[in-house]
Amino acid sequence: MAKAEIKTKQKTKIEDSSSLKGTLASVFFLGIFLVVTWVSVFFLFVDRF
C-alpha cells in the first residue's frame, strides 16, 4: 500500500476579512419590519372585531 504524506507542521492562515455587521443590521431591520407589520394587522383585526 502506498503511504500518503501528511503535512502537520504547515500552518495555513485563513484571513476572514468579511464583516457581518451589515448582515446583522439587515436581519434586525427585517425583524423589526415583520414585528411592526404583524402588530399593525393584529390591531386592525381587533379594531374591526
Protein backbone atom coordinates (compact mmCIF):
# COMPACT_ATOMS: atom_id res chain seq x y z
CA MET A 1 0.00 0.00 0.00
CA ALA A 2 1.15 3.48 -0.75
CA LYS A 3 1.71 5.85 2.13
CA ALA A 4 0.26 9.30 1.87
CA GLU A 5 2.39 12.17 3.10
CA ILE A 6 0.79 14.10 5.88
CA LYS A 7 1.97 17.64 6.39
CA THR A 8 1.34 18.53 10.01
CA LYS A 9 3.73 21.42 10.50
CA GLN A 10 2.41 23.58 7.70
CA LYS A 11 0.04 26.16 9.10
CA THR A 12 -2.43 27.77 6.79
CA LYS A 13 -3.57 31.22 7.72
CA ILE A 14 -7.16 31.87 6.81
CA GLU A 15 -7.95 35.55 6.62
CA ASP A 16 -11.55 36.39 7.37
CA SER A 17 -11.87 39.93 6.15
CA SER A 18 -15.64 39.76 5.67
CA SER A 19 -17.67 41.73 8.17
CA LEU A 20 -21.07 40.53 9.26
CA LYS A 21 -22.21 43.89 10.64
CA GLY A 22 -24.22 44.63 7.51
CA THR A 23 -25.87 41.24 7.69
CA LEU A 24 -26.77 41.74 11.32
CA ALA A 25 -28.25 45.17 10.61
CA SER A 26 -30.28 43.79 7.70
CA VAL A 27 -31.66 40.98 9.82
CA PHE A 28 -32.61 43.43 12.59
CA PHE A 29 -34.36 45.75 10.12
CA LEU A 30 -36.23 42.82 8.58
CA GLY A 31 -37.25 41.55 12.02
CA ILE A 32 -38.46 44.97 13.11
CA PHE A 33 -40.43 45.32 9.87
CA LEU A 34 -42.10 41.94 10.38
CA VAL A 35 -42.99 42.67 14.00
CA VAL A 36 -44.44 46.09 13.13
CA THR A 37 -46.44 44.54 10.28
CA TRP A 38 -47.87 41.77 12.47
CA VAL A 39 -48.74 44.17 15.30
CA SER A 40 -50.42 46.55 12.84
CA VAL A 41 -52.53 43.76 11.35
CA PHE A 42 -53.41 42.48 14.82
CA PHE A 43 -54.63 45.91 15.97
CA LEU A 44 -56.55 46.33 12.72
CA PHE A 45 -58.25 42.97 13.37
CA VAL A 46 -59.04 43.86 16.98
CA ASP A 47 -60.40 47.27 15.94
CA ARG A 48 -62.76 45.74 13.36
CA PHE A 49 -63.87 42.91 15.64
